[in-house]
PDB file of N, CA and C in Angstrom:
ATOM      1  N   MET A   1      20.539   4.965  15.037  1.00  0.00           N
ATOM      2  CA  MET A   1      19.862   5.202  13.796  1.00  0.00           C
ATOM      3  C   MET A   1      20.640   6.268  13.047  1.00  0.00           C
ATOM      4  N   ASP A   2      21.140   5.915  11.881  1.00  0.00           N
ATOM      5  CA  ASP A   2      21.882   6.866  11.052  1.00  0.00           C
ATOM      6  C   ASP A   2      23.029   7.526  11.827  1.00  0.00           C
ATOM      7  N   GLY A   3      23.694   6.744  12.684  1.00  0.00           N
ATOM      8  CA  GLY A   3      24.850   7.246  13.425  1.00  0.00           C
ATOM      9  C   GLY A   3      24.539   7.976  14.709  1.00  0.00           C
ATOM     10  N   LYS A   4      23.260   8.037  15.107  1.00  0.00           N
ATOM     11  CA  LYS A   4      22.870   8.723  16.332  1.00  0.00           C
ATOM     12  C   LYS A   4      22.135   7.767  17.261  1.00  0.00           C
ATOM     13  N   PHE A   5      22.362   7.917  18.576  1.00  0.00           N
ATOM     14  CA  PHE A   5      21.676   7.084  19.560  1.00  0.00           C
ATOM     15  C   PHE A   5      20.180   7.366  19.504  1.00  0.00           C
ATOM     16  N   SER A   6      19.380   6.292  19.420  1.00  0.00           N
ATOM     17  CA  SER A   6      17.926   6.453  19.314  1.00  0.00           C
ATOM     18  C   SER A   6      17.172   5.772  20.437  1.00  0.00           C
ATOM     19  N   GLY A   7      17.867   5.225  21.424  1.00  0.00           N
ATOM     20  CA  GLY A   7      17.212   4.610  22.562  1.00  0.00           C
ATOM     21  C   GLY A   7      17.531   3.149  22.696  1.00  0.00           C
ATOM     22  N   SER A   8      16.959   2.549  23.705  1.00  0.00           N
ATOM     23  CA  SER A   8      17.145   1.126  23.981  1.00  0.00           C
ATOM     24  C   SER A   8      16.063   0.315  23.286  1.00  0.00           C
ATOM     25  N   THR A   9      16.277  -0.989  23.221  1.00  0.00           N
ATOM     26  CA  THR A   9      15.276  -1.861  22.608  1.00  0.00           C
ATOM     27  C   THR A   9      14.361  -2.419  23.687  1.00  0.00           C
ATOM     28  N   PRO A  10      13.138  -2.736  23.380  1.00  0.00           N
ATOM     29  CA  PRO A  10      12.481  -2.479  22.093  1.00  0.00           C
ATOM     30  C   PRO A  10      12.164  -0.995  21.940  1.00  0.00           C
ATOM     31  N   SER A  11      12.098  -0.543  20.703  1.00  0.00           N
ATOM     32  CA  SER A  11      11.803   0.858  20.396  1.00  0.00           C
ATOM     33  C   SER A  11      10.818   0.939  19.241  1.00  0.00           C
ATOM     34  N   LYS A  12      10.054   1.999  19.241  1.00  0.00           N
ATOM     35  CA  LYS A  12       9.190   2.303  18.105  1.00  0.00           C
ATOM     36  C   LYS A  12       9.629   3.675  17.616  1.00  0.00           C
ATOM     37  N   LEU A  13      10.103   3.725  16.376  1.00  0.00           N
ATOM     38  CA  LEU A  13      10.638   4.955  15.824  1.00  0.00           C
ATOM     39  C   LEU A  13       9.824   5.405  14.625  1.00  0.00           C
ATOM     40  N   GLN A  14       9.723   6.694  14.431  1.00  0.00           N
ATOM     41  CA  GLN A  14       9.104   7.244  13.238  1.00  0.00           C
ATOM     42  C   GLN A  14      10.232   7.816  12.389  1.00  0.00           C
ATOM     43  N   LEU A  15      10.354   7.278  11.179  1.00  0.00           N
ATOM     44  CA  LEU A  15      11.445   7.665  10.293  1.00  0.00           C
ATOM     45  C   LEU A  15      10.920   8.340   9.046  1.00  0.00           C
ATOM     46  N   THR A  16      11.746   9.186   8.483  1.00  0.00           N
ATOM     47  CA  THR A  16      11.390   9.817   7.221  1.00  0.00           C
ATOM     48  C   THR A  16      11.576   8.822   6.089  1.00  0.00           C
ATOM     49  N   GLU A  17      10.963   9.102   4.971  1.00  0.00           N
ATOM     50  CA  GLU A  17      11.082   8.276   3.768  1.00  0.00           C
ATOM     51  C   GLU A  17      12.549   8.234   3.332  1.00  0.00           C
ATOM     52  N   GLY A  18      12.973   7.064   2.838  1.00  0.00           N
ATOM     53  CA  GLY A  18      14.332   6.926   2.315  1.00  0.00           C
ATOM     54  C   GLY A  18      15.130   5.857   3.041  1.00  0.00           C
ATOM     55  N   ALA A  19      16.433   5.842   2.800  1.00  0.00           N
ATOM     56  CA  ALA A  19      17.323   4.824   3.381  1.00  0.00           C
ATOM     57  C   ALA A  19      17.819   5.265   4.750  1.00  0.00           C
ATOM     58  N   HIS A  20      17.888   4.295   5.676  1.00  0.00           N
ATOM     59  CA  HIS A  20      18.376   4.534   7.033  1.00  0.00           C
ATOM     60  C   HIS A  20      19.238   3.356   7.459  1.00  0.00           C
ATOM     61  N   VAL A  21      20.320   3.649   8.196  1.00  0.00           N
ATOM     62  CA  VAL A  21      21.201   2.607   8.723  1.00  0.00           C
ATOM     63  C   VAL A  21      20.824   2.368  10.177  1.00  0.00           C
ATOM     64  N   ILE A  22      20.531   1.099  10.493  1.00  0.00           N
ATOM     65  CA  ILE A  22      20.192   0.702  11.859  1.00  0.00           C
ATOM     66  C   ILE A  22      21.348  -0.120  12.405  1.00  0.00           C
ATOM     67  N   LEU A  23      21.856   0.278  13.566  1.00  0.00           N
ATOM     68  CA  LEU A  23      22.969  -0.415  14.190  1.00  0.00           C
ATOM     69  C   LEU A  23      22.589  -0.717  15.630  1.00  0.00           C
ATOM     70  N   VAL A  24      22.747  -1.980  16.026  1.00  0.00           N
ATOM     71  CA  VAL A  24      22.460  -2.401  17.394  1.00  0.00           C
ATOM     72  C   VAL A  24      23.734  -3.006  17.953  1.00  0.00           C
ATOM     73  N   GLU A  25      24.150  -2.529  19.132  1.00  0.00           N
ATOM     74  CA  GLU A  25      25.358  -3.082  19.733  1.00  0.00           C
ATOM     75  C   GLU A  25      25.190  -3.269  21.227  1.00  0.00           C
ATOM     76  N   GLN A  26      25.851  -4.302  21.721  1.00  0.00           N
ATOM     77  CA  GLN A  26      25.829  -4.671  23.136  1.00  0.00           C
ATOM     78  C   GLN A  26      27.181  -5.272  23.465  1.00  0.00           C
ATOM     79  N   THR A  27      27.763  -4.891  24.581  1.00  0.00           N
ATOM     80  CA  THR A  27      29.052  -5.431  24.988  1.00  0.00           C
ATOM     81  C   THR A  27      28.986  -6.958  25.027  1.00  0.00           C
ATOM     82  N   GLY A  28      29.996  -7.608  24.432  1.00  0.00           N
ATOM     83  CA  GLY A  28      30.052  -9.068  24.418  1.00  0.00           C
ATOM     84  C   GLY A  28      29.351  -9.702  23.229  1.00  0.00           C
ATOM     85  N   TYR A  29      28.793  -8.877  22.351  1.00  0.00           N
ATOM     86  CA  TYR A  29      28.060  -9.374  21.184  1.00  0.00           C
ATOM     87  C   TYR A  29      28.585  -8.694  19.914  1.00  0.00           C
ATOM     88  N   ALA A  30      28.463  -9.393  18.800  1.00  0.00           N
ATOM     89  CA  ALA A  30      28.830  -8.813  17.506  1.00  0.00           C
ATOM     90  C   ALA A  30      27.834  -7.710  17.156  1.00  0.00           C
ATOM     91  N   VAL A  31      28.318  -6.659  16.520  1.00  0.00           N
ATOM     92  CA  VAL A  31      27.461  -5.558  16.095  1.00  0.00           C
ATOM     93  C   VAL A  31      26.498  -6.054  15.014  1.00  0.00           C
ATOM     94  N   TRP A  32      25.250  -5.620  15.099  1.00  0.00           N
ATOM     95  CA  TRP A  32      24.221  -5.945  14.099  1.00  0.00           C
ATOM     96  C   TRP A  32      23.915  -4.654  13.359  1.00  0.00           C
ATOM     97  N   GLN A  33      24.050  -4.666  12.029  1.00  0.00           N
ATOM     98  CA  GLN A  33      23.801  -3.462  11.237  1.00  0.00           C
ATOM     99  C   GLN A  33      23.070  -3.809   9.951  1.00  0.00           C
ATOM    100  N   ARG A  34      22.077  -3.007   9.614  1.00  0.00           N
ATOM    101  CA  ARG A  34      21.313  -3.183   8.376  1.00  0.00           C
ATOM    102  C   ARG A  34      20.947  -1.807   7.830  1.00  0.00           C
ATOM    103  N   THR A  35      20.780  -1.737   6.523  1.00  0.00           N
ATOM    104  CA  THR A  35      20.240  -0.548   5.882  1.00  0.00           C
ATOM    105  C   THR A  35      18.827  -0.887   5.429  1.00  0.00           C
ATOM    106  N   VAL A  36      17.877  -0.043   5.804  1.00  0.00           N
ATOM    107  CA  VAL A  36      16.482  -0.255   5.415  1.00  0.00           C
ATOM    108  C   VAL A  36      16.013   0.951   4.613  1.00  0.00           C
ATOM    109  N   THR A  37      15.086   0.710   3.703  1.00  0.00           N
ATOM    110  CA  THR A  37      14.497   1.789   2.930  1.00  0.00           C
ATOM    111  C   THR A  37      13.030   1.920   3.324  1.00  0.00           C
ATOM    112  N   ILE A  38      12.667   3.100   3.770  1.00  0.00           N
ATOM    113  CA  ILE A  38      11.308   3.373   4.232  1.00  0.00           C
ATOM    114  C   ILE A  38      10.514   4.008   3.090  1.00  0.00           C
ATOM    115  N   SER A  39       9.351   3.426   2.817  1.00  0.00           N
ATOM    116  CA  SER A  39       8.431   3.958   1.808  1.00  0.00           C
ATOM    117  C   SER A  39       7.294   4.675   2.522  1.00  0.00           C
ATOM    118  N   PRO A  40       6.712   5.683   1.904  1.00  0.00           N
ATOM    119  CA  PRO A  40       5.611   6.421   2.541  1.00  0.00           C
ATOM    120  C   PRO A  40       4.445   5.506   2.898  1.00  0.00           C
ATOM    121  N   GLY A  41       3.927   5.663   4.118  1.00  0.00           N
ATOM    122  CA  GLY A  41       2.748   4.930   4.544  1.00  0.00           C
ATOM    123  C   GLY A  41       2.987   3.488   4.941  1.00  0.00           C
ATOM    124  N   ASN A  42       4.243   3.041   4.987  1.00  0.00           N
ATOM    125  CA  ASN A  42       4.531   1.646   5.337  1.00  0.00           C
ATOM    126  C   ASN A  42       5.156   1.550   6.718  1.00  0.00           C
ATOM    127  N   ASP A  43       4.793   0.504   7.437  1.00  0.00           N
ATOM    128  CA  ASP A  43       5.417   0.171   8.719  1.00  0.00           C
ATOM    129  C   ASP A  43       6.314  -1.034   8.501  1.00  0.00           C
ATOM    130  N   ILE A  44       7.447  -1.064   9.197  1.00  0.00           N
ATOM    131  CA  ILE A  44       8.297  -2.249   9.150  1.00  0.00           C
ATOM    132  C   ILE A  44       8.632  -2.664  10.578  1.00  0.00           C
ATOM    133  N   ASN A  45       8.864  -3.934  10.765  1.00  0.00           N
ATOM    134  CA  ASN A  45       9.324  -4.482  12.044  1.00  0.00           C
ATOM    135  C   ASN A  45      10.703  -5.069  11.812  1.00  0.00           C
ATOM    136  N   ILE A  46      11.590  -4.819  12.742  1.00  0.00           N
ATOM    137  CA  ILE A  46      12.954  -5.339  12.647  1.00  0.00           C
ATOM    138  C   ILE A  46      13.247  -6.125  13.904  1.00  0.00           C
ATOM    139  N   ASN A  47      13.757  -7.335  13.724  1.00  0.00           N
ATOM    140  CA  ASN A  47      14.135  -8.188  14.835  1.00  0.00           C
ATOM    141  C   ASN A  47      15.639  -8.422  14.750  1.00  0.00           C
ATOM    142  N   ALA A  48      16.403  -7.665  15.524  1.00  0.00           N
ATOM    143  CA  ALA A  48      17.859  -7.766  15.512  1.00  0.00           C
ATOM    144  C   ALA A  48      18.294  -8.839  16.506  1.00  0.00           C
ATOM    145  N   VAL A  49      18.802  -9.955  16.006  1.00  0.00           N
ATOM    146  CA  VAL A  49      19.282 -11.039  16.858  1.00  0.00           C
ATOM    147  C   VAL A  49      20.794 -10.910  16.956  1.00  0.00           C
ATOM    148  N   LEU A  50      21.283 -10.658  18.156  1.00  0.00           N
ATOM    149  CA  LEU A  50      22.729 -10.485  18.363  1.00  0.00           C
ATOM    150  C   LEU A  50      23.399 -11.832  18.634  1.00  0.00           C
ATOM    151  N   THR A  51      24.630 -11.950  18.148  1.00  0.00           N
ATOM    152  CA  THR A  51      25.422 -13.172  18.316  1.00  0.00           C
ATOM    153  C   THR A  51      26.560 -12.902  19.276  1.00  0.00           C
ATOM    154  N   LYS A  52      26.706 -13.786  20.283  1.00  0.00           N
ATOM    155  CA  LYS A  52      27.791 -13.624  21.250  1.00  0.00           C
ATOM    156  C   LYS A  52      29.141 -13.627  20.564  1.00  0.00           C
ATOM    157  N   THR A  53      30.030 -12.753  21.020  1.00  0.00           N
ATOM    158  CA  THR A  53      31.388 -12.725  20.525  1.00  0.00           C
ATOM    159  C   THR A  53      32.149 -13.881  21.161  1.00  0.00           C
ATOM    160  N   PRO A  54      32.875 -14.682  20.356  1.00  0.00           N
ATOM    161  CA  PRO A  54      33.628 -15.810  20.941  1.00  0.00           C
ATOM    162  C   PRO A  54      34.571 -15.334  22.041  1.00  0.00           C
ATOM    163  N   GLY A  55      34.620 -16.112  23.106  1.00  0.00           N
ATOM    164  CA  GLY A  55      35.499 -15.807  24.233  1.00  0.00           C
ATOM    165  C   GLY A  55      34.877 -14.923  25.288  1.00  0.00           C
ATOM    166  N   THR A  56      33.619 -14.515  25.118  1.00  0.00           N
ATOM    167  CA  THR A  56      32.940 -13.729  26.145  1.00  0.00           C
ATOM    168  C   THR A  56      31.944 -14.592  26.886  1.00  0.00           C
ATOM    169  N   GLN A  57      31.631 -14.182  28.092  1.00  0.00           N
ATOM    170  CA  GLN A  57      30.685 -14.973  28.892  1.00  0.00           C
ATOM    171  C   GLN A  57      29.346 -14.303  28.957  1.00  0.00           C
TER     172      GLN A  57
END
């Protein structure tokens, strides 16, 4: 989260209002990254689906 390790998935995080970069990575898979904007009083759910990197098992 925003360039810092925030734990393993699944996770429930409390974020401050504003934009945040979410990055999920796993060996053998393409990196998944999104920028989300958090509004006061709103909850969001994110489902990061990773795609296998070609040539990995």
